[in-house]
PDB file of N, CA and C in Angstrom:
ATOM      1  N   MET A   1       0.831  -1.178   0.000  1.00  0.00           N
ATOM      2  CA  MET A   1       0.000   0.000   0.000  1.00  0.00           C
ATOM      3  C   MET A   1       0.881   1.248   0.000  1.00  0.00           C
ATOM      4  N   ARG A   2       1.894   1.286   0.870  1.00  0.00           N
ATOM      5  CA  ARG A   2       2.771   2.443   0.957  1.00  0.00           C
ATOM      6  C   ARG A   2       3.409   2.731  -0.396  1.00  0.00           C
ATOM      7  N   GLU A   3       3.915   1.695  -1.035  1.00  0.00           N
ATOM      8  CA  GLU A   3       4.590   1.854  -2.316  1.00  0.00           C
ATOM      9  C   GLU A   3       3.639   2.395  -3.382  1.00  0.00           C
ATOM     10  N   ASP A   4       2.396   1.956  -3.340  1.00  0.00           N
ATOM     11  CA  ASP A   4       1.403   2.433  -4.301  1.00  0.00           C
ATOM     12  C   ASP A   4       1.177   3.932  -4.130  1.00  0.00           C
ATOM     13  N   ILE A   5       1.048   4.376  -2.895  1.00  0.00           N
ATOM     14  CA  ILE A   5       0.833   5.803  -2.632  1.00  0.00           C
ATOM     15  C   ILE A   5       2.055   6.609  -3.063  1.00  0.00           C
ATOM     16  N   VAL A   6       3.239   6.158  -2.665  1.00  0.00           N
ATOM     17  CA  VAL A   6       4.475   6.864  -3.028  1.00  0.00           C
ATOM     18  C   VAL A   6       4.595   6.970  -4.545  1.00  0.00           C
ATOM     19  N   GLU A   7       4.292   5.902  -5.248  1.00  0.00           N
ATOM     20  CA  GLU A   7       4.382   5.897  -6.714  1.00  0.00           C
ATOM     21  C   GLU A   7       3.398   6.887  -7.332  1.00  0.00           C
ATOM     22  N   LYS A   8       2.178   6.932  -6.806  1.00  0.00           N
ATOM     23  CA  LYS A   8       1.161   7.842  -7.347  1.00  0.00           C
ATOM     24  C   LYS A   8       1.532   9.309  -7.108  1.00  0.00           C
ATOM     25  N   LEU A   9       2.342   9.581  -6.084  1.00  0.00           N
ATOM     26  CA  LEU A   9       2.705  10.962  -5.743  1.00  0.00           C
ATOM     27  C   LEU A   9       4.029  11.399  -6.355  1.00  0.00           C
ATOM     28  N   ARG A  10       4.739  10.492  -6.981  1.00  0.00           N
ATOM     29  CA  ARG A  10       6.109  10.744  -7.448  1.00  0.00           C
ATOM     30  C   ARG A  10       6.230  11.978  -8.348  1.00  0.00           C
ATOM     31  N   ASP A  11       5.276  12.217  -9.239  1.00  0.00           N
ATOM     32  CA  ASP A  11       5.382  13.367 -10.146  1.00  0.00           C
ATOM     33  C   ASP A  11       4.780  14.651  -9.565  1.00  0.00           C
ATOM     34  N   ILE A  12       4.230  14.583  -8.351  1.00  0.00           N
ATOM     35  CA  ILE A  12       3.636  15.765  -7.722  1.00  0.00           C
ATOM     36  C   ILE A  12       4.582  16.367  -6.685  1.00  0.00           C
ATOM     37  N   VAL A  13       5.198  15.509  -5.881  1.00  0.00           N
ATOM     38  CA  VAL A  13       6.095  15.971  -4.816  1.00  0.00           C
ATOM     39  C   VAL A  13       7.442  15.269  -4.943  1.00  0.00           C
ATOM     40  N   ASP A  14       8.484  15.924  -4.417  1.00  0.00           N
ATOM     41  CA  ASP A  14       9.824  15.338  -4.480  1.00  0.00           C
ATOM     42  C   ASP A  14       9.948  14.121  -3.576  1.00  0.00           C
ATOM     43  N   GLU A  15       9.394  14.238  -2.382  1.00  0.00           N
ATOM     44  CA  GLU A  15       9.457  13.138  -1.416  1.00  0.00           C
ATOM     45  C   GLU A  15       8.118  13.022  -0.719  1.00  0.00           C
ATOM     46  N   SER A  16       7.805  11.842  -0.279  1.00  0.00           N
ATOM     47  CA  SER A  16       6.592  11.651   0.514  1.00  0.00           C
ATOM     48  C   SER A  16       6.879  10.656   1.625  1.00  0.00           C
ATOM     49  N   VAL A  17       6.261  10.907   2.750  1.00  0.00           N
ATOM     50  CA  VAL A  17       6.362  10.010   3.897  1.00  0.00           C
ATOM     51  C   VAL A  17       4.943   9.600   4.245  1.00  0.00           C
ATOM     52  N   ILE A  18       4.689   8.338   4.265  1.00  0.00           N
ATOM     53  CA  ILE A  18       3.352   7.824   4.531  1.00  0.00           C
ATOM     54  C   ILE A  18       3.297   7.371   5.986  1.00  0.00           C
ATOM     55  N   LEU A  19       2.403   7.988   6.753  1.00  0.00           N
ATOM     56  CA  LEU A  19       2.254   7.669   8.173  1.00  0.00           C
ATOM     57  C   LEU A  19       0.849   7.149   8.435  1.00  0.00           C
ATOM     58  N   THR A  20       0.749   6.189   9.321  1.00  0.00           N
ATOM     59  CA  THR A  20      -0.558   5.668   9.722  1.00  0.00           C
ATOM     60  C   THR A  20      -0.605   5.608  11.240  1.00  0.00           C
ATOM     61  N   THR A  21      -1.778   5.305  11.762  1.00  0.00           N
ATOM     62  CA  THR A  21      -1.910   5.157  13.207  1.00  0.00           C
ATOM     63  C   THR A  21      -1.180   3.924  13.700  1.00  0.00           C
ATOM     64  N   ASP A  22      -1.012   2.952  12.834  1.00  0.00           N
ATOM     65  CA  ASP A  22      -0.286   1.721  13.147  1.00  0.00           C
ATOM     66  C   ASP A  22      -0.830   0.998  14.376  1.00  0.00           C
ATOM     67  N   ASN A  23      -2.123   1.151  14.636  1.00  0.00           N
ATOM     68  CA  ASN A  23      -2.690   0.446  15.782  1.00  0.00           C
ATOM     69  C   ASN A  23      -3.733  -0.580  15.351  1.00  0.00           C
ATOM     70  N   HIS A  24      -3.830  -0.800  14.054  1.00  0.00           N
ATOM     71  CA  HIS A  24      -4.729  -1.810  13.503  1.00  0.00           C
ATOM     72  C   HIS A  24      -6.192  -1.557  13.856  1.00  0.00           C
ATOM     73  N   SER A  25      -6.537  -0.305  14.147  1.00  0.00           N
ATOM     74  CA  SER A  25      -7.931  -0.008  14.458  1.00  0.00           C
ATOM     75  C   SER A  25      -8.713   0.164  13.163  1.00  0.00           C
ATOM     76  N   VAL A  26      -9.979  -0.122  13.243  1.00  0.00           N
ATOM     77  CA  VAL A  26     -10.863   0.000  12.092  1.00  0.00           C
ATOM     78  C   VAL A  26     -12.029   0.880  12.516  1.00  0.00           C
ATOM     79  N   ASN A  27     -12.285   1.921  11.745  1.00  0.00           N
ATOM     80  CA  ASN A  27     -13.412   2.793  12.061  1.00  0.00           C
ATOM     81  C   ASN A  27     -14.718   2.065  11.792  1.00  0.00           C
ATOM     82  N   ILE A  28     -15.686   2.314  12.633  1.00  0.00           N
ATOM     83  CA  ILE A  28     -16.999   1.690  12.472  1.00  0.00           C
ATOM     84  C   ILE A  28     -17.836   2.558  11.548  1.00  0.00           C
ATOM     85  N   THR A  29     -18.541   1.942  10.641  1.00  0.00           N
ATOM     86  CA  THR A  29     -19.423   2.681   9.739  1.00  0.00           C
ATOM     87  C   THR A  29     -20.852   2.550  10.228  1.00  0.00           C
ATOM     88  N   MET A  30     -21.752   3.297   9.605  1.00  0.00           N
ATOM     89  CA  MET A  30     -23.148   3.277  10.027  1.00  0.00           C
ATOM     90  C   MET A  30     -23.760   1.883   9.930  1.00  0.00           C
ATOM     91  N   ASP A  31     -23.368   1.124   8.918  1.00  0.00           N
ATOM     92  CA  ASP A  31     -23.935  -0.216   8.797  1.00  0.00           C
ATOM     93  C   ASP A  31     -23.179  -1.239   9.634  1.00  0.00           C
ATOM     94  N   GLY A  32     -22.144  -0.775  10.351  1.00  0.00           N
ATOM     95  CA  GLY A  32     -21.405  -1.658  11.239  1.00  0.00           C
ATOM     96  C   GLY A  32     -20.437  -2.581  10.534  1.00  0.00           C
ATOM     97  N   PHE A  33     -20.255  -2.420   9.225  1.00  0.00           N
ATOM     98  CA  PHE A  33     -19.389  -3.317   8.473  1.00  0.00           C
ATOM     99  C   PHE A  33     -18.300  -2.501   7.802  1.00  0.00           C
ATOM    100  N   ASN A  34     -17.074  -2.754   8.157  1.00  0.00           N
ATOM    101  CA  ASN A  34     -15.946  -2.034   7.574  1.00  0.00           C
ATOM    102  C   ASN A  34     -14.721  -2.932   7.591  1.00  0.00           C
ATOM    103  N   PRO A  35     -14.664  -3.903   6.691  1.00  0.00           N
ATOM    104  CA  PRO A  35     -13.537  -4.825   6.720  1.00  0.00           C
ATOM    105  C   PRO A  35     -12.228  -4.115   6.388  1.00  0.00           C
ATOM    106  N   VAL A  36     -11.186  -4.507   7.076  1.00  0.00           N
ATOM    107  CA  VAL A  36      -9.874  -3.933   6.829  1.00  0.00           C
ATOM    108  C   VAL A  36      -9.496  -4.181   5.375  1.00  0.00           C
ATOM    109  N   GLY A  37      -9.083  -3.133   4.702  1.00  0.00           N
ATOM    110  CA  GLY A  37      -8.609  -3.275   3.335  1.00  0.00           C
ATOM    111  C   GLY A  37      -9.663  -3.159   2.259  1.00  0.00           C
ATOM    112  N   SER A  38     -10.906  -2.859   2.615  1.00  0.00           N
ATOM    113  CA  SER A  38     -11.951  -2.819   1.590  1.00  0.00           C
ATOM    114  C   SER A  38     -11.757  -1.682   0.595  1.00  0.00           C
ATOM    115  N   ALA A  39     -11.044  -0.624   0.975  1.00  0.00           N
ATOM    116  CA  ALA A  39     -10.855   0.521   0.071  1.00  0.00           C
ATOM    117  C   ALA A  39      -9.401   0.710  -0.329  1.00  0.00           C
ATOM    118  N   ILE A  40      -8.568  -0.293  -0.105  1.00  0.00           N
ATOM    119  CA  ILE A  40      -7.141  -0.147  -0.408  1.00  0.00           C
ATOM    120  C   ILE A  40      -6.911   0.134  -1.887  1.00  0.00           C
ATOM    121  N   LYS A  41      -7.720  -0.417  -2.752  1.00  0.00           N
ATOM    122  CA  LYS A  41      -7.510  -0.207  -4.189  1.00  0.00           C
ATOM    123  C   LYS A  41      -7.673   1.260  -4.575  1.00  0.00           C
ATOM    124  N   ASN A  42      -8.387   2.046  -3.776  1.00  0.00           N
ATOM    125  CA  ASN A  42      -8.622   3.460  -4.077  1.00  0.00           C
ATOM    126  C   ASN A  42      -7.649   4.401  -3.380  1.00  0.00           C
ATOM    127  N   ILE A  43      -6.901   3.909  -2.423  1.00  0.00           N
ATOM    128  CA  ILE A  43      -6.132   4.814  -1.573  1.00  0.00           C
ATOM    129  C   ILE A  43      -5.044   5.570  -2.331  1.00  0.00           C
ATOM    130  N   GLY A  44      -4.440   4.949  -3.320  1.00  0.00           N
ATOM    131  CA  GLY A  44      -3.409   5.628  -4.103  1.00  0.00           C
ATOM    132  C   GLY A  44      -3.963   6.803  -4.882  1.00  0.00           C
ATOM    133  N   SER A  45      -5.070   6.592  -5.582  1.00  0.00           N
ATOM    134  CA  SER A  45      -5.653   7.673  -6.388  1.00  0.00           C
ATOM    135  C   SER A  45      -6.271   8.758  -5.510  1.00  0.00           C
ATOM    136  N   VAL A  46      -6.875   8.371  -4.406  1.00  0.00           N
ATOM    137  CA  VAL A  46      -7.430   9.364  -3.484  1.00  0.00           C
ATOM    138  C   VAL A  46      -6.301  10.192  -2.879  1.00  0.00           C
ATOM    139  N   SER A  47      -5.214   9.538  -2.499  1.00  0.00           N
ATOM    140  CA  SER A  47      -4.058  10.257  -1.961  1.00  0.00           C
ATOM    141  C   SER A  47      -3.530  11.245  -2.988  1.00  0.00           C
ATOM    142  N   ARG A  48      -3.446  10.813  -4.225  1.00  0.00           N
ATOM    143  CA  ARG A  48      -2.971  11.691  -5.306  1.00  0.00           C
ATOM    144  C   ARG A  48      -3.867  12.921  -5.429  1.00  0.00           C
ATOM    145  N   ASP A  49      -5.175  12.717  -5.401  1.00  0.00           N
ATOM    146  CA  ASP A  49      -6.120  13.835  -5.539  1.00  0.00           C
ATOM    147  C   ASP A  49      -5.963  14.852  -4.410  1.00  0.00           C
ATOM    148  N   VAL A  50      -5.882  14.369  -3.173  1.00  0.00           N
ATOM    149  CA  VAL A  50      -5.805  15.313  -2.053  1.00  0.00           C
ATOM    150  C   VAL A  50      -4.457  16.019  -2.001  1.00  0.00           C
ATOM    151  N   VAL A  51      -3.386  15.337  -2.387  1.00  0.00           N
ATOM    152  CA  VAL A  51      -2.072  15.986  -2.416  1.00  0.00           C
ATOM    153  C   VAL A  51      -2.037  17.037  -3.520  1.00  0.00           C
ATOM    154  N   LYS A  52      -2.605  16.740  -4.687  1.00  0.00           N
ATOM    155  CA  LYS A  52      -2.684  17.735  -5.764  1.00  0.00           C
ATOM    156  C   LYS A  52      -3.444  18.972  -5.293  1.00  0.00           C
ATOM    157  N   GLU A  53      -4.561  18.750  -4.630  1.00  0.00           N
ATOM    158  CA  GLU A  53      -5.366  19.858  -4.119  1.00  0.00           C
ATOM    159  C   GLU A  53      -4.568  20.682  -3.108  1.00  0.00           C
ATOM    160  N   ALA A  54      -3.842  20.005  -2.237  1.00  0.00           N
ATOM    161  CA  ALA A  54      -3.038  20.707  -1.234  1.00  0.00           C
ATOM    162  C   ALA A  54      -1.914  21.504  -1.886  1.00  0.00           C
ATOM    163  N   VAL A  55      -1.241  20.922  -2.861  1.00  0.00           N
ATOM    164  CA  VAL A  55      -0.148  21.620  -3.555  1.00  0.00           C
ATOM    165  C   VAL A  55      -0.687  22.843  -4.293  1.00  0.00           C
ATOM    166  N   ASN A  56      -1.839  22.725  -4.923  1.00  0.00           N
ATOM    167  CA  ASN A  56      -2.444  23.858  -5.624  1.00  0.00           C
ATOM    168  C   ASN A  56      -2.877  24.967  -4.671  1.00  0.00           C
ATOM    169  N   ASP A  57      -3.060  24.633  -3.406  1.00  0.00           N
ATOM    170  CA  ASP A  57      -3.513  25.604  -2.412  1.00  0.00           C
ATOM    171  C   ASP A  57      -2.351  26.223  -1.632  1.00  0.00           C
ATOM    172  N   LEU A  58      -1.115  25.870  -1.973  1.00  0.00           N
ATOM    173  CA  LEU A  58       0.043  26.414  -1.263  1.00  0.00           C
ATOM    174  C   LEU A  58       0.141  27.914  -1.480  1.00  0.00           C
ATOM    175  N   GLU A  59       0.620  28.630  -0.473  1.00  0.00           N
ATOM    176  CA  GLU A  59       0.815  30.068  -0.578  1.00  0.00           C
ATOM    177  C   GLU A  59       1.992  30.486   0.284  1.00  0.00           C
ATOM    178  N   GLU A  60       2.558  31.638  -0.025  1.00  0.00           N
ATOM    179  CA  GLU A  60       3.662  32.178   0.754  1.00  0.00           C
ATOM    180  C   GLU A  60       3.146  32.578   2.136  1.00  0.00           C
ATOM    181  N   VAL A  61       3.931  32.296   3.143  1.00  0.00           N
ATOM    182  CA  VAL A  61       3.560  32.668   4.506  1.00  0.00           C
ATOM    183  C   VAL A  61       4.792  33.166   5.240  1.00  0.00           C
ATOM    184  N   GLU A  62       4.557  33.869   6.325  1.00  0.00           N
ATOM    185  CA  GLU A  62       5.636  34.236   7.228  1.00  0.00           C
ATOM    186  C   GLU A  62       5.491  33.372   8.464  1.00  0.00           C
ATOM    187  N   ILE A  63       6.615  32.953   8.984  1.00  0.00           N
ATOM    188  CA  ILE A  63       6.561  32.134  10.185  1.00  0.00           C
ATOM    189  C   ILE A  63       7.321  32.823  11.296  1.00  0.00           C
ATOM    190  N   GLY A  64       7.053  32.441  12.493  1.00  0.00           N
ATOM    191  CA  GLY A  64       7.756  32.975  13.648  1.00  0.00           C
ATOM    192  C   GLY A  64       7.759  31.943  14.748  1.00  0.00           C
ATOM    193  N   GLY A  65       8.543  32.213  15.705  1.00  0.00           N
ATOM    194  CA  GLY A  65       8.603  31.286  16.828  1.00  0.00           C
ATOM    195  C   GLY A  65       9.028  32.007  18.089  1.00  0.00           C
ATOM    196  N   HIS A  66       8.777  31.404  19.193  1.00  0.00           N
ATOM    197  CA  HIS A  66       9.122  31.978  20.486  1.00  0.00           C
ATOM    198  C   HIS A  66       9.195  30.832  21.486  1.00  0.00           C
ATOM    199  N   SER A  67      10.060  30.977  22.424  1.00  0.00           N
ATOM    200  CA  SER A  67      10.097  29.960  23.480  1.00  0.00           C
ATOM    201  C   SER A  67      10.149  30.652  24.826  1.00  0.00           C
ATOM    202  N   ARG A  68       9.652  29.969  25.811  1.00  0.00           N
ATOM    203  CA  ARG A  68       9.628  30.496  27.165  1.00  0.00           C
ATOM    204  C   ARG A  68       9.669  29.310  28.111  1.00  0.00           C
ATOM    205  N   THR A  69      10.337  29.485  29.197  1.00  0.00           N
ATOM    206  CA  THR A  69      10.387  28.441  30.211  1.00  0.00           C
ATOM    207  C   THR A  69       9.385  28.786  31.303  1.00  0.00           C
ATOM    208  N   ILE A  70       8.542  27.830  31.624  1.00  0.00           N
ATOM    209  CA  ILE A  70       7.590  28.028  32.711  1.00  0.00           C
ATOM    210  C   ILE A  70       7.683  26.845  33.657  1.00  0.00           C
ATOM    211  N   ARG A  71       7.393  27.101  34.895  1.00  0.00           N
ATOM    212  CA  ARG A  71       7.381  26.028  35.888  1.00  0.00           C
ATOM    213  C   ARG A  71       5.944  25.544  36.039  1.00  0.00           C
ATOM    214  N   ILE A  72       5.771  24.265  35.900  1.00  0.00           N
ATOM    215  CA  ILE A  72       4.456  23.686  36.116  1.00  0.00           C
ATOM    216  C   ILE A  72       4.594  22.514  37.074  1.00  0.00           C
ATOM    217  N   LYS A  73       3.560  22.295  37.808  1.00  0.00           N
ATOM    218  CA  LYS A  73       3.556  21.157  38.716  1.00  0.00           C
ATOM    219  C   LYS A  73       2.711  20.064  38.076  1.00  0.00           C
ATOM    220  N   VAL A  74       3.291  18.923  37.968  1.00  0.00           N
ATOM    221  CA  VAL A  74       2.575  17.800  37.379  1.00  0.00           C
ATOM    222  C   VAL A  74       2.276  16.780  38.469  1.00  0.00           C
ATOM    223  N   THR A  75       1.304  15.960  38.179  1.00  0.00           N
ATOM    224  CA  THR A  75       0.968  14.910  39.120  1.00  0.00           C
ATOM    225  C   THR A  75       2.098  13.896  39.127  1.00  0.00           C
ATOM    226  N   GLY A  76       2.765  13.814  40.240  1.00  0.00           N
ATOM    227  CA  GLY A  76       3.889  12.896  40.347  1.00  0.00           C
ATOM    228  C   GLY A  76       3.528  11.677  41.170  1.00  0.00           C
ATOM    229  N   ARG A  77       4.564  10.953  41.551  1.00  0.00           N
ATOM    230  CA  ARG A  77       4.365   9.733  42.317  1.00  0.00           C
ATOM    231  C   ARG A  77       3.662  10.060  43.632  1.00  0.00           C
ATOM    232  N   GLY A  78       2.630   9.349  43.927  1.00  0.00           N
ATOM    233  CA  GLY A  78       1.908   9.525  45.178  1.00  0.00           C
ATOM    234  C   GLY A  78       0.805  10.570  45.108  1.00  0.00           C
ATOM    235  N   ASN A  79       0.918  11.546  44.208  1.00  0.00           N
ATOM    236  CA  ASN A  79      -0.091  12.601  44.141  1.00  0.00           C
ATOM    237  C   ASN A  79      -1.421  12.094  43.604  1.00  0.00           C
ATOM    238  N   THR A  80      -1.393  11.135  42.701  1.00  0.00           N
ATOM    239  CA  THR A  80      -2.635  10.576  42.184  1.00  0.00           C
ATOM    240  C   THR A  80      -3.406   9.889  43.302  1.00  0.00           C
ATOM    241  N   GLU A  81      -2.687   9.151  44.132  1.00  0.00           N
ATOM    242  CA  GLU A  81      -3.342   8.482  45.261  1.00  0.00           C
ATOM    243  C   GLU A  81      -3.899   9.502  46.251  1.00  0.00           C
ATOM    244  N   LYS A  82      -3.139  10.587  46.488  1.00  0.00           N
ATOM    245  CA  LYS A  82      -3.623  11.638  47.393  1.00  0.00           C
ATOM    246  C   LYS A  82      -4.893  12.277  46.844  1.00  0.00           C
ATOM    247  N   LEU A  83      -4.902  12.550  45.544  1.00  0.00           N
ATOM    248  CA  LEU A  83      -6.073  13.155  44.921  1.00  0.00           C
ATOM    249  C   LEU A  83      -7.280  12.230  45.033  1.00  0.00           C
ATOM    250  N   ALA A  84      -7.096  10.962  44.723  1.00  0.00           N
ATOM    251  CA  ALA A  84      -8.199   9.997  44.807  1.00  0.00           C
ATOM    252  C   ALA A  84      -8.704   9.880  46.232  1.00  0.00           C
ATOM    253  N   SER A  85      -7.795   9.860  47.185  1.00  0.00           N
ATOM    254  CA  SER A  85      -8.180   9.767  48.592  1.00  0.00           C
ATOM    255  C   SER A  85      -8.965  10.999  49.029  1.00  0.00           C
ATOM    256  N   THR A  86      -8.515  12.173  48.596  1.00  0.00           N
ATOM    257  CA  THR A  86      -9.209  13.416  48.945  1.00  0.00           C
ATOM    258  C   THR A  86     -10.608  13.443  48.355  1.00  0.00           C
ATOM    259  N   VAL A  87     -10.732  13.054  47.092  1.00  0.00           N
ATOM    260  CA  VAL A  87     -12.046  13.030  46.445  1.00  0.00           C
ATOM    261  C   VAL A  87     -12.958  12.036  47.150  1.00  0.00           C
ATOM    262  N   ASN A  88     -12.450  10.862  47.463  1.00  0.00           N
ATOM    263  CA  ASN A  88     -13.269   9.850  48.143  1.00  0.00           C
ATOM    264  C   ASN A  88     -13.732  10.325  49.512  1.00  0.00           C
ATOM    265  N   SER A  89     -12.836  10.950  50.279  1.00  0.00           N
ATOM    266  CA  SER A  89     -13.241  11.418  51.609  1.00  0.00           C
ATOM    267  C   SER A  89     -14.235  12.566  51.501  1.00  0.00           C
ATOM    268  N   THR A  90     -14.049  13.439  50.509  1.00  0.00           N
ATOM    269  CA  THR A  90     -14.999  14.538  50.307  1.00  0.00           C
ATOM    270  C   THR A  90     -16.373  13.994  49.953  1.00  0.00           C
ATOM    271  N   LEU A  91     -16.414  13.007  49.069  1.00  0.00           N
ATOM    272  CA  LEU A  91     -17.699  12.420  48.689  1.00  0.00           C
ATOM    273  C   LEU A  91     -18.368  11.711  49.854  1.00  0.00           C
ATOM    274  N   SER A  92     -17.578  11.057  50.696  1.00  0.00           N
ATOM    275  CA  SER A  92     -18.184  10.364  51.838  1.00  0.00           C
ATOM    276  C   SER A  92     -18.772  11.358  52.833  1.00  0.00           C
ATOM    277  N   ILE A  93     -18.158  12.528  52.961  1.00  0.00           N
ATOM    278  CA  ILE A  93     -18.709  13.565  53.845  1.00  0.00           C
ATOM    279  C   ILE A  93     -19.940  14.197  53.206  1.00  0.00           C
ATOM    280  N   LEU A  94     -19.876  14.434  51.892  1.00  0.00           N
ATOM    281  CA  LEU A  94     -20.983  15.089  51.200  1.00  0.00           C
ATOM    282  C   LEU A  94     -22.263  14.275  51.215  1.00  0.00           C
ATOM    283  N   LYS A  95     -22.160  12.955  51.255  1.00  0.00           N
ATOM    284  CA  LYS A  95     -23.397  12.169  51.237  1.00  0.00           C
ATOM    285  C   LYS A  95     -24.224  12.393  52.499  1.00  0.00           C
ATOM    286  N   TYR A  96     -23.592  12.886  53.570  1.00  0.00           N
ATOM    287  CA  TYR A  96     -24.335  13.240  54.784  1.00  0.00           C
ATOM    288  C   TYR A  96     -24.580  14.743  54.847  1.00  0.00           C
ATOM    289  N   ALA A  97     -23.599  15.534  54.402  1.00  0.00           N
ATOM    290  CA  ALA A  97     -23.705  16.985  54.514  1.00  0.00           C
ATOM    291  C   ALA A  97     -24.711  17.562  53.525  1.00  0.00           C
ATOM    292  N   ALA A  98     -24.776  17.026  52.326  1.00  0.00           N
ATOM    293  CA  ALA A  98     -25.677  17.577  51.314  1.00  0.00           C
ATOM    294  C   ALA A  98     -27.145  17.468  51.731  1.00  0.00           C
ATOM    295  N   PRO A  99     -27.621  16.296  52.170  1.00  0.00           N
ATOM    296  CA  PRO A  99     -29.024  16.232  52.607  1.00  0.00           C
ATOM    297  C   PRO A  99     -29.292  17.127  53.821  1.00  0.00           C
ATOM    298  N   ALA A 100     -28.322  17.205  54.731  1.00  0.00           N
ATOM    299  CA  ALA A 100     -28.508  18.067  55.901  1.00  0.00           C
ATOM    300  C   ALA A 100     -28.601  19.527  55.478  1.00  0.00           C
ATOM    301  N   SER A 101     -27.745  19.948  54.566  1.00  0.00           N
ATOM    302  CA  SER A 101     -27.778  21.330  54.076  1.00  0.00           C
ATOM    303  C   SER A 101     -29.073  21.614  53.336  1.00  0.00           C
ATOM    304  N   LEU A 102     -29.498  20.676  52.519  1.00  0.00           N
ATOM    305  CA  LEU A 102     -30.741  20.841  51.781  1.00  0.00           C
ATOM    306  C   LEU A 102     -31.923  20.929  52.743  1.00  0.00           C
ATOM    307  N   GLY A 103     -31.922  20.065  53.744  1.00  0.00           N
ATOM    308  CA  GLY A 103     -32.996  20.093  54.737  1.00  0.00           C
ATOM    309  C   GLY A 103     -33.019  21.407  55.497  1.00  0.00           C
ATOM    310  N   ALA A 104     -31.850  21.892  55.889  1.00  0.00           N
ATOM    311  CA  ALA A 104     -31.775  23.167  56.605  1.00  0.00           C
ATOM    312  C   ALA A 104     -32.249  24.306  55.711  1.00  0.00           C
ATOM    313  N   GLY A 105     -31.913  24.258  54.428  1.00  0.00           N
ATOM    314  CA  GLY A 105     -32.357  25.295  53.496  1.00  0.00           C
ATOM    315  C   GLY A 105     -33.860  25.298  53.333  1.00  0.00           C
ATOM    316  N   VAL A 106     -34.451  24.118  53.204  1.00  0.00           N
ATOM    317  CA  VAL A 106     -35.908  24.009  53.069  1.00  0.00           C
ATOM    318  C   VAL A 106     -36.584  24.511  54.339  1.00  0.00           C
ATOM    319  N   LEU A 107     -36.048  24.143  55.485  1.00  0.00           N
ATOM    320  CA  LEU A 107     -36.601  24.595  56.766  1.00  0.00           C
ATOM    321  C   LEU A 107     -36.511  26.112  56.881  1.00  0.00           C
ATOM    322  N   ALA A 108     -35.379  26.691  56.504  1.00  0.00           N
ATOM    323  CA  ALA A 108     -35.206  28.145  56.569  1.00  0.00           C
ATOM    324  C   ALA A 108     -36.182  28.841  55.634  1.00  0.00           C
ATOM    325  N   CYS A 109     -36.381  28.307  54.443  1.00  0.00           N
ATOM    326  CA  CYS A 109     -37.341  28.893  53.502  1.00  0.00           C
ATOM    327  C   CYS A 109     -38.756  28.822  54.069  1.00  0.00           C
ATOM    328  N   GLY A 110     -39.070  27.700  54.691  1.00  0.00           N
ATOM    329  CA  GLY A 110     -40.395  27.547  55.293  1.00  0.00           C
ATOM    330  C   GLY A 110     -40.624  28.562  56.398  1.00  0.00           C
ATOM    331  N   LEU A 111     -39.620  28.795  57.220  1.00  0.00           N
ATOM    332  CA  LEU A 111     -39.743  29.783  58.293  1.00  0.00           C
ATOM    333  C   LEU A 111     -39.907  31.190  57.733  1.00  0.00           C
ATOM    334  N   VAL A 112     -39.163  31.513  56.698  1.00  0.00           N
ATOM    335  CA  VAL A 112     -39.276  32.841  56.077  1.00  0.00           C
ATOM    336  C   VAL A 112     -40.675  33.034  55.513  1.00  0.00           C
ATOM    337  N   VAL A 113     -41.212  32.021  54.854  1.00  0.00           N
ATOM    338  CA  VAL A 113     -42.556  32.116  54.281  1.00  0.00           C
ATOM    339  C   VAL A 113     -43.585  32.302  55.385  1.00  0.00           C
ATOM    340  N   MET A 114     -43.426  31.589  56.500  1.00  0.00           N
ATOM    341  CA  MET A 114     -44.383  31.707  57.607  1.00  0.00           C
ATOM    342  C   MET A 114     -44.315  33.083  58.259  1.00  0.00           C
ATOM    343  N   LEU A 115     -43.137  33.664  58.330  1.00  0.00           N
ATOM    344  CA  LEU A 115     -42.983  34.966  58.972  1.00  0.00           C
ATOM    345  C   LEU A 115     -43.458  36.112  58.087  1.00  0.00           C
ATOM    346  N   LEU A 116     -43.497  35.909  56.795  1.00  0.00           N
ATOM    347  CA  LEU A 116     -43.953  36.975  55.901  1.00  0.00           C
ATOM    348  C   LEU A 116     -45.431  36.901  55.811  1.00  0.00           C
TER     349      LEU A 116
END
């Protein structure tokens, strides 16, 4: 397949590099049927068409670049466990605190309505 694509592009570009996901995944279609290789016979000509279109759309551009060093803190060893533990303890407290807060809010609203 690679050779077919490279051959079809030979008169359009000087060099070509063909890259794939290389994970052997197959996209699912609406009908649920998409056998690997069903469209391989078309890939060379389709590749040629899209590369021609891209080459015809080339234009002059200006480029620039900049670099900066920033300090960031990443999740390191042990921090993931700390985060999970914190979330779990917060959720265990919330399962009691949330109904109590909601109940207190409803009670407070009821008292305000009665006083007005």
